[in-house]
């Protein structure tokens, strides 16, 4: 390679902020990923070579599966609630708009932990006493209560994401659909929502990662997810350092894994420009 071309290549690589290595093929790898990889290798080596950490990992594995299960079901519930509220938020019907706006503003104005405790101590007992058996048992299970509370809490945030995605679709497409004889719901289902979902996928993915972390709040109502398992085990063994370090690493691995999946789906479903 001529000296002029070589110097130009080095200059272009050095001009890119956050790039770690000026090596063809991996010059786009940022520093934070390299540091994270090195830290992960060191942590994995320490865990594999330590019987104590391996024992803690096997004990907390039940909490991991429970955390993922609660997150998935709560997020599916939030997707449905958010979609309904989001569509109502862009409706021209005053009643639907008022109800959805009231729901969004009230839920977003109350801390999620307070919502979980309020549902556990107030709403669930209220419906549990007035619902016939065996359905009343659903309101007496902490897991179901936690899933519903998380779903309702995150549904308000997802409603705003859906609303922004729907409003991002060109107004001309709505008018074209109506000119073809489609009613409001057909227009939403066949024209608007398929395009809006591709727009809102990144923020929906971010909220999924946030819900995974916020599922730790369910330990306040005795849901045996990862945080509660860690708290109980560390209290019984008087070894908080090892247990909470392992819990933090497990949460980090799960959130990074979900983030990578979301980024992959974002690239696959991205709207061509």
Foldseek 3Di string as FASTA:
>chain_A
DDPVVVVVLVVVLVVDPQFDDSDPPRRNPGPVVVVVVVVVVVVVVVCVVDPVNVVLCVLLVVQAVLLVVLLVLLLVLLLVLLLQLLLLCPDPDPVSNVVSVVLLVVLVVDDLLVLLVCLLPPVLVVVLVVPDPPVSVLSVDLSSSLSPSSSSNNSSVSNVLLNVLLVVDDPVQLVVVVVVVDDPVCCCVPPRVVRSCLVSLVVSLVVSLVSSVVSLSSVVVVDSHSNVSLVVVCVVVVPNVSSVVSSVVSSVVVSVVSNVVSVVVNVVSPDDD
